[in-house]
Amino acid sequence: MTKNKEDIRIHMAEDDEDDRLMFKEAMEEARVTNAITFSVDGQDLMEFLRREGAYADRTEPLPDLILLDLNMPRMDGREALQQIKADPDLKRIPVVILTTSKAEEDIYSTYNEGANSFITKPVSFHGLVGAINALTSYWVDIVKLPE
């Protein structure tokens, strides 16, 4: 059974508060109504996904799509991606790298670690709205995600 597109939950790991706010505003501008939650770094993301620490009492389902920044404190996105794809309970969740990096090494290494897409963050708000439209068109409207 596949999910209804309105029910697809997105989780973003992004350490920059301004980037999180801009992403949320760009989602509103793009008229994307899917639920989105945030983690402030890779460690926070892993605790959220594993329901540990501050998230031990959370009962909602895991996200259907993870947007992952690479350059974050405590645990960066590269290490979080490795842990997600090594965990049998998490590895089915698609992970889209959303980062400022344009480095070929980052592109190759994250795909080798199991990333499902790699997107370099647009520098303008208008560009971000366009990227969100494309991202959600593909991952929400086209792709069939498991229940």
N, C-alpha and C. Protein backbone atom coordinates (compact mmCIF):
# COMPACT_ATOMS: atom_id res chain seq x y z
N MET A 1 0.85 -1.18 0.00
CA MET A 1 0.00 0.00 0.00
C MET A 1 0.90 1.25 0.00
N THR A 2 0.52 2.24 -0.75
CA THR A 2 1.31 3.46 -0.82
C THR A 2 0.60 4.58 -0.07
N LYS A 3 1.36 5.59 0.26
CA LYS A 3 0.84 6.73 1.02
C LYS A 3 0.14 7.72 0.11
N ASN A 4 -0.83 8.42 0.68
CA ASN A 4 -1.40 9.58 0.00
C ASN A 4 -0.37 10.69 0.06
N LYS A 5 -0.30 11.50 -0.99
CA LYS A 5 0.74 12.53 -1.04
C LYS A 5 0.62 13.54 0.10
N GLU A 6 -0.58 13.80 0.60
CA GLU A 6 -0.76 14.75 1.69
C GLU A 6 -0.19 14.21 3.00
N ASP A 7 -0.06 12.87 3.10
CA ASP A 7 0.39 12.24 4.34
C ASP A 7 1.90 12.08 4.42
N ILE A 8 2.62 12.43 3.37
CA ILE A 8 4.07 12.26 3.35
C ILE A 8 4.71 13.29 4.27
N ARG A 9 5.46 12.78 5.24
CA ARG A 9 6.12 13.62 6.24
C ARG A 9 7.57 13.84 5.85
N ILE A 10 8.00 15.09 5.93
CA ILE A 10 9.36 15.48 5.56
C ILE A 10 10.10 15.90 6.83
N HIS A 11 11.34 15.48 6.93
CA HIS A 11 12.17 15.89 8.06
C HIS A 11 13.47 16.47 7.50
N MET A 12 13.85 17.63 8.00
CA MET A 12 15.05 18.31 7.52
C MET A 12 16.06 18.44 8.65
N ALA A 13 17.30 18.04 8.36
CA ALA A 13 18.40 18.25 9.30
C ALA A 13 19.24 19.41 8.76
N GLU A 14 19.19 20.53 9.47
CA GLU A 14 19.83 21.77 9.03
C GLU A 14 20.23 22.55 10.27
N ASP A 15 21.52 22.89 10.38
CA ASP A 15 21.98 23.57 11.58
C ASP A 15 21.73 25.07 11.57
N ASP A 16 21.54 25.66 10.40
CA ASP A 16 21.37 27.11 10.30
C ASP A 16 19.90 27.48 10.48
N GLU A 17 19.62 28.21 11.56
CA GLU A 17 18.23 28.58 11.87
C GLU A 17 17.60 29.41 10.74
N ASP A 18 18.37 30.32 10.15
CA ASP A 18 17.85 31.14 9.05
C ASP A 18 17.50 30.27 7.84
N ASP A 19 18.32 29.26 7.56
CA ASP A 19 18.03 28.36 6.45
C ASP A 19 16.76 27.55 6.72
N ARG A 20 16.57 27.11 7.97
CA ARG A 20 15.35 26.38 8.32
C ARG A 20 14.12 27.26 8.11
N LEU A 21 14.19 28.50 8.58
CA LEU A 21 13.08 29.43 8.43
C LEU A 21 12.81 29.73 6.96
N MET A 22 13.87 29.97 6.19
CA MET A 22 13.70 30.26 4.77
C MET A 22 13.11 29.06 4.04
N PHE A 23 13.52 27.84 4.41
CA PHE A 23 12.97 26.65 3.79
C PHE A 23 11.48 26.53 4.08
N LYS A 24 11.10 26.78 5.33
CA LYS A 24 9.69 26.71 5.71
C LYS A 24 8.87 27.77 4.95
N GLU A 25 9.41 28.97 4.83
CA GLU A 25 8.71 30.03 4.08
C GLU A 25 8.63 29.69 2.60
N ALA A 26 9.69 29.09 2.06
CA ALA A 26 9.67 28.70 0.65
C ALA A 26 8.65 27.58 0.41
N MET A 27 8.49 26.68 1.39
CA MET A 27 7.45 25.64 1.26
C MET A 27 6.07 26.29 1.21
N GLU A 28 5.85 27.28 2.06
CA GLU A 28 4.56 27.98 2.05
C GLU A 28 4.35 28.68 0.71
N GLU A 29 5.39 29.35 0.22
CA GLU A 29 5.31 30.04 -1.07
C GLU A 29 5.02 29.05 -2.20
N ALA A 30 5.59 27.85 -2.11
CA ALA A 30 5.38 26.81 -3.12
C ALA A 30 4.06 26.07 -2.90
N ARG A 31 3.35 26.44 -1.85
CA ARG A 31 2.06 25.83 -1.49
C ARG A 31 2.19 24.33 -1.20
N VAL A 32 3.31 23.97 -0.58
CA VAL A 32 3.52 22.60 -0.13
C VAL A 32 2.98 22.50 1.28
N THR A 33 2.03 21.62 1.48
CA THR A 33 1.35 21.53 2.78
C THR A 33 1.77 20.31 3.59
N ASN A 34 2.72 19.56 3.10
CA ASN A 34 3.17 18.39 3.83
C ASN A 34 3.80 18.80 5.16
N ALA A 35 3.63 17.96 6.17
CA ALA A 35 4.21 18.23 7.48
C ALA A 35 5.73 18.19 7.38
N ILE A 36 6.38 19.15 8.03
CA ILE A 36 7.84 19.16 8.07
C ILE A 36 8.29 19.36 9.51
N THR A 37 9.30 18.58 9.90
CA THR A 37 9.93 18.72 11.20
C THR A 37 11.43 18.95 10.96
N PHE A 38 12.11 19.43 11.98
CA PHE A 38 13.51 19.81 11.82
C PHE A 38 14.38 19.24 12.93
N SER A 39 15.62 18.95 12.56
CA SER A 39 16.69 18.65 13.51
C SER A 39 17.80 19.67 13.28
N VAL A 40 18.56 19.96 14.33
CA VAL A 40 19.56 21.01 14.24
C VAL A 40 20.96 20.50 13.87
N ASP A 41 21.15 19.18 13.86
CA ASP A 41 22.42 18.59 13.43
C ASP A 41 22.22 17.09 13.29
N GLY A 42 23.28 16.40 12.88
CA GLY A 42 23.17 14.97 12.66
C GLY A 42 22.87 14.17 13.91
N GLN A 43 23.45 14.59 15.04
CA GLN A 43 23.19 13.90 16.30
C GLN A 43 21.71 14.03 16.68
N ASP A 44 21.18 15.23 16.56
CA ASP A 44 19.77 15.47 16.85
C ASP A 44 18.89 14.65 15.89
N LEU A 45 19.28 14.57 14.64
CA LEU A 45 18.53 13.77 13.66
C LEU A 45 18.49 12.31 14.07
N MET A 46 19.62 11.75 14.45
CA MET A 46 19.65 10.34 14.81
C MET A 46 18.84 10.08 16.08
N GLU A 47 18.89 10.97 17.03
CA GLU A 47 18.06 10.82 18.23
C GLU A 47 16.59 10.89 17.86
N PHE A 48 16.22 11.81 16.95
CA PHE A 48 14.84 11.92 16.49
C PHE A 48 14.40 10.61 15.82
N LEU A 49 15.22 10.10 14.93
CA LEU A 49 14.85 8.89 14.18
C LEU A 49 14.79 7.65 15.07
N ARG A 50 15.68 7.60 16.05
CA ARG A 50 15.74 6.42 16.94
C ARG A 50 14.89 6.58 18.20
N ARG A 51 14.23 7.73 18.32
CA ARG A 51 13.38 8.02 19.48
C ARG A 51 14.17 7.92 20.78
N GLU A 52 15.28 8.62 20.80
CA GLU A 52 16.16 8.64 21.97
C GLU A 52 16.20 10.05 22.56
N GLY A 53 16.72 10.16 23.78
CA GLY A 53 16.90 11.46 24.41
C GLY A 53 15.60 12.24 24.50
N ALA A 54 15.62 13.48 24.03
CA ALA A 54 14.44 14.35 24.10
C ALA A 54 13.27 13.81 23.28
N TYR A 55 13.53 12.85 22.41
CA TYR A 55 12.48 12.31 21.53
C TYR A 55 11.95 10.95 21.98
N ALA A 56 12.35 10.50 23.16
CA ALA A 56 11.99 9.17 23.64
C ALA A 56 10.48 8.96 23.74
N ASP A 57 9.73 10.02 23.98
CA ASP A 57 8.28 9.89 24.15
C ASP A 57 7.50 10.12 22.86
N ARG A 58 8.17 10.42 21.77
CA ARG A 58 7.47 10.69 20.50
C ARG A 58 6.87 9.40 19.96
N THR A 59 5.67 9.50 19.43
CA THR A 59 4.99 8.30 18.93
C THR A 59 4.59 8.39 17.46
N GLU A 60 4.75 9.57 16.85
CA GLU A 60 4.34 9.69 15.45
C GLU A 60 5.25 8.84 14.57
N PRO A 61 4.78 8.46 13.40
CA PRO A 61 5.60 7.62 12.51
C PRO A 61 6.88 8.34 12.08
N LEU A 62 7.83 7.56 11.64
CA LEU A 62 9.07 8.11 11.11
C LEU A 62 8.77 8.94 9.87
N PRO A 63 9.67 9.86 9.52
CA PRO A 63 9.44 10.65 8.31
C PRO A 63 9.52 9.76 7.07
N ASP A 64 8.91 10.24 6.00
CA ASP A 64 8.92 9.53 4.73
C ASP A 64 10.05 9.99 3.83
N LEU A 65 10.62 11.16 4.15
CA LEU A 65 11.68 11.74 3.36
C LEU A 65 12.56 12.58 4.28
N ILE A 66 13.87 12.42 4.15
CA ILE A 66 14.81 13.20 4.95
C ILE A 66 15.60 14.11 4.02
N LEU A 67 15.65 15.39 4.37
CA LEU A 67 16.48 16.37 3.69
C LEU A 67 17.67 16.62 4.60
N LEU A 68 18.88 16.40 4.09
CA LEU A 68 20.05 16.35 4.96
C LEU A 68 21.14 17.31 4.49
N ASP A 69 21.48 18.25 5.36
CA ASP A 69 22.62 19.12 5.12
C ASP A 69 23.88 18.33 5.44
N LEU A 70 24.98 18.62 4.77
CA LEU A 70 26.22 17.89 5.03
C LEU A 70 27.06 18.52 6.14
N ASN A 71 27.16 19.82 6.15
CA ASN A 71 28.09 20.50 7.06
C ASN A 71 27.36 21.01 8.29
N MET A 72 27.40 20.18 9.35
CA MET A 72 26.74 20.52 10.61
C MET A 72 27.66 20.17 11.76
N PRO A 73 27.45 20.83 12.92
CA PRO A 73 28.27 20.51 14.10
C PRO A 73 27.86 19.16 14.72
N ARG A 74 28.61 18.77 15.69
CA ARG A 74 28.46 17.52 16.45
C ARG A 74 28.56 16.30 15.53
N MET A 75 27.57 16.03 14.72
CA MET A 75 27.64 14.95 13.74
C MET A 75 27.24 15.54 12.40
N ASP A 76 28.11 15.43 11.42
CA ASP A 76 27.77 16.01 10.12
C ASP A 76 26.84 15.08 9.34
N GLY A 77 26.35 15.58 8.22
CA GLY A 77 25.41 14.82 7.42
C GLY A 77 25.97 13.55 6.83
N ARG A 78 27.27 13.53 6.57
CA ARG A 78 27.90 12.33 6.01
C ARG A 78 27.80 11.16 6.99
N GLU A 79 28.13 11.45 8.25
CA GLU A 79 28.06 10.40 9.27
C GLU A 79 26.61 9.99 9.54
N ALA A 80 25.70 10.96 9.57
CA ALA A 80 24.28 10.64 9.77
C ALA A 80 23.78 9.76 8.63
N LEU A 81 24.15 10.08 7.39
CA LEU A 81 23.74 9.26 6.25
C LEU A 81 24.25 7.83 6.40
N GLN A 82 25.50 7.66 6.79
CA GLN A 82 26.05 6.32 6.99
C GLN A 82 25.25 5.55 8.04
N GLN A 83 24.91 6.22 9.14
CA GLN A 83 24.16 5.55 10.20
C GLN A 83 22.73 5.21 9.75
N ILE A 84 22.10 6.11 9.02
CA ILE A 84 20.74 5.85 8.53
C ILE A 84 20.74 4.63 7.61
N LYS A 85 21.65 4.60 6.66
CA LYS A 85 21.67 3.52 5.67
C LYS A 85 22.18 2.21 6.24
N ALA A 86 22.83 2.24 7.41
CA ALA A 86 23.28 1.01 8.07
C ALA A 86 22.23 0.45 9.02
N ASP A 87 21.19 1.21 9.30
CA ASP A 87 20.16 0.81 10.27
C ASP A 87 18.98 0.16 9.54
N PRO A 88 18.69 -1.10 9.82
CA PRO A 88 17.60 -1.79 9.12
C PRO A 88 16.23 -1.11 9.28
N ASP A 89 16.04 -0.39 10.38
CA ASP A 89 14.76 0.29 10.60
C ASP A 89 14.66 1.63 9.89
N LEU A 90 15.79 2.16 9.42
CA LEU A 90 15.80 3.50 8.83
C LEU A 90 16.20 3.52 7.36
N LYS A 91 16.88 2.51 6.89
CA LYS A 91 17.51 2.56 5.57
C LYS A 91 16.53 2.72 4.42
N ARG A 92 15.28 2.39 4.60
CA ARG A 92 14.29 2.53 3.52
C ARG A 92 13.86 3.99 3.31
N ILE A 93 14.14 4.86 4.28
CA ILE A 93 13.74 6.27 4.17
C ILE A 93 14.64 6.95 3.14
N PRO A 94 14.05 7.53 2.09
CA PRO A 94 14.88 8.25 1.12
C PRO A 94 15.55 9.46 1.78
N VAL A 95 16.83 9.65 1.43
CA VAL A 95 17.60 10.77 1.96
C VAL A 95 18.06 11.62 0.78
N VAL A 96 17.63 12.88 0.81
CA VAL A 96 18.04 13.86 -0.19
C VAL A 96 19.06 14.79 0.45
N ILE A 97 20.24 14.83 -0.12
CA ILE A 97 21.26 15.75 0.37
C ILE A 97 20.90 17.14 -0.14
N LEU A 98 20.78 18.09 0.76
CA LEU A 98 20.46 19.48 0.42
C LEU A 98 21.52 20.34 1.10
N THR A 99 22.51 20.77 0.33
CA THR A 99 23.70 21.36 0.91
C THR A 99 24.24 22.49 0.04
N THR A 100 25.12 23.28 0.61
CA THR A 100 25.79 24.33 -0.17
C THR A 100 26.95 23.75 -0.96
N SER A 101 27.37 22.55 -0.65
CA SER A 101 28.53 21.95 -1.30
C SER A 101 28.26 21.68 -2.78
N LYS A 102 29.27 21.94 -3.58
CA LYS A 102 29.25 21.57 -5.00
C LYS A 102 30.40 20.62 -5.30
N ALA A 103 31.09 20.16 -4.26
CA ALA A 103 32.28 19.35 -4.42
C ALA A 103 31.93 17.98 -5.02
N GLU A 104 32.66 17.62 -6.06
CA GLU A 104 32.47 16.31 -6.70
C GLU A 104 32.64 15.19 -5.68
N GLU A 105 33.60 15.35 -4.79
CA GLU A 105 33.86 14.33 -3.77
C GLU A 105 32.61 14.10 -2.91
N ASP A 106 31.91 15.17 -2.52
CA ASP A 106 30.69 15.04 -1.73
C ASP A 106 29.59 14.35 -2.53
N ILE A 107 29.48 14.70 -3.79
CA ILE A 107 28.45 14.08 -4.64
C ILE A 107 28.69 12.57 -4.73
N TYR A 108 29.90 12.18 -5.10
CA TYR A 108 30.23 10.76 -5.24
C TYR A 108 30.10 10.02 -3.92
N SER A 109 30.67 10.58 -2.86
CA SER A 109 30.68 9.84 -1.59
C SER A 109 29.27 9.67 -1.02
N THR A 110 28.42 10.69 -1.14
CA THR A 110 27.08 10.54 -0.58
C THR A 110 26.23 9.56 -1.39
N TYR A 111 26.38 9.57 -2.70
CA TYR A 111 25.68 8.54 -3.49
C TYR A 111 26.21 7.15 -3.14
N ASN A 112 27.52 7.02 -2.96
CA ASN A 112 28.09 5.73 -2.58
C ASN A 112 27.59 5.26 -1.22
N GLU A 113 27.26 6.20 -0.35
CA GLU A 113 26.74 5.85 0.99
C GLU A 113 25.22 5.63 0.99
N GLY A 114 24.57 5.82 -0.15
CA GLY A 114 23.15 5.50 -0.23
C GLY A 114 22.21 6.68 -0.36
N ALA A 115 22.74 7.89 -0.55
CA ALA A 115 21.85 9.04 -0.75
C ALA A 115 21.00 8.81 -1.99
N ASN A 116 19.77 9.30 -1.96
CA ASN A 116 18.86 9.12 -3.08
C ASN A 116 18.90 10.27 -4.07
N SER A 117 19.35 11.44 -3.63
CA SER A 117 19.49 12.62 -4.49
C SER A 117 20.50 13.55 -3.85
N PHE A 118 21.05 14.43 -4.68
CA PHE A 118 21.99 15.44 -4.20
C PHE A 118 21.59 16.76 -4.84
N ILE A 119 21.25 17.74 -4.01
CA ILE A 119 20.83 19.06 -4.49
C ILE A 119 21.70 20.11 -3.84
N THR A 120 22.29 20.97 -4.66
CA THR A 120 23.00 22.11 -4.11
C THR A 120 21.98 23.20 -3.83
N LYS A 121 22.00 23.74 -2.62
CA LYS A 121 21.03 24.75 -2.21
C LYS A 121 21.09 25.96 -3.13
N PRO A 122 19.96 26.38 -3.64
CA PRO A 122 19.93 27.63 -4.41
C PRO A 122 20.28 28.80 -3.51
N VAL A 123 20.88 29.84 -4.08
CA VAL A 123 21.28 30.99 -3.27
C VAL A 123 20.16 32.00 -3.08
N SER A 124 19.16 31.97 -3.94
CA SER A 124 18.07 32.94 -3.83
C SER A 124 16.80 32.27 -3.31
N PHE A 125 15.93 33.07 -2.72
CA PHE A 125 14.64 32.56 -2.25
C PHE A 125 13.83 32.02 -3.41
N HIS A 126 13.81 32.75 -4.52
CA HIS A 126 13.08 32.30 -5.72
C HIS A 126 13.62 30.95 -6.20
N GLY A 127 14.94 30.80 -6.19
CA GLY A 127 15.55 29.53 -6.58
C GLY A 127 15.17 28.41 -5.64
N LEU A 128 15.09 28.72 -4.34
CA LEU A 128 14.71 27.72 -3.35
C LEU A 128 13.26 27.28 -3.56
N VAL A 129 12.37 28.22 -3.85
CA VAL A 129 10.97 27.87 -4.13
C VAL A 129 10.91 26.93 -5.34
N GLY A 130 11.68 27.24 -6.38
CA GLY A 130 11.72 26.37 -7.55
C GLY A 130 12.24 24.98 -7.23
N ALA A 131 13.28 24.93 -6.41
CA ALA A 131 13.84 23.63 -6.02
C ALA A 131 12.83 22.83 -5.20
N ILE A 132 12.12 23.50 -4.31
CA ILE A 132 11.10 22.82 -3.50
C ILE A 132 9.97 22.30 -4.39
N ASN A 133 9.57 23.09 -5.37
CA ASN A 133 8.55 22.63 -6.31
C ASN A 133 9.00 21.37 -7.03
N ALA A 134 10.24 21.36 -7.51
CA ALA A 134 10.76 20.19 -8.22
C ALA A 134 10.91 19.00 -7.28
N LEU A 135 11.45 19.26 -6.09
CA LEU A 135 11.66 18.21 -5.11
C LEU A 135 10.34 17.55 -4.71
N THR A 136 9.36 18.36 -4.37
CA THR A 136 8.08 17.80 -3.94
C THR A 136 7.30 17.21 -5.12
N SER A 137 7.46 17.78 -6.29
CA SER A 137 6.81 17.18 -7.46
C SER A 137 7.28 15.73 -7.62
N TYR A 138 8.59 15.54 -7.48
CA TYR A 138 9.13 14.19 -7.64
C TYR A 138 8.82 13.31 -6.43
N TRP A 139 9.25 13.72 -5.22
CA TRP A 139 9.16 12.85 -4.05
C TRP A 139 7.76 12.74 -3.46
N VAL A 140 6.90 13.71 -3.72
CA VAL A 140 5.54 13.66 -3.16
C VAL A 140 4.52 13.25 -4.21
N ASP A 141 4.61 13.83 -5.41
CA ASP A 141 3.59 13.59 -6.43
C ASP A 141 3.86 12.36 -7.30
N ILE A 142 5.12 12.07 -7.58
CA ILE A 142 5.44 11.02 -8.55
C ILE A 142 5.84 9.71 -7.89
N VAL A 143 6.80 9.76 -6.98
CA VAL A 143 7.33 8.56 -6.35
C VAL A 143 6.28 7.93 -5.45
N LYS A 144 6.26 6.62 -5.44
CA LYS A 144 5.40 5.88 -4.52
C LYS A 144 6.24 5.43 -3.34
N LEU A 145 5.90 5.92 -2.16
CA LEU A 145 6.62 5.57 -0.94
C LEU A 145 5.83 4.53 -0.17
N PRO A 146 6.51 3.61 0.52
CA PRO A 146 5.80 2.56 1.26
C PRO A 146 5.07 3.12 2.46
N GLU A 147 4.04 2.44 2.85
CA GLU A 147 3.23 2.79 4.02
C GLU A 147 4.07 2.64 5.26
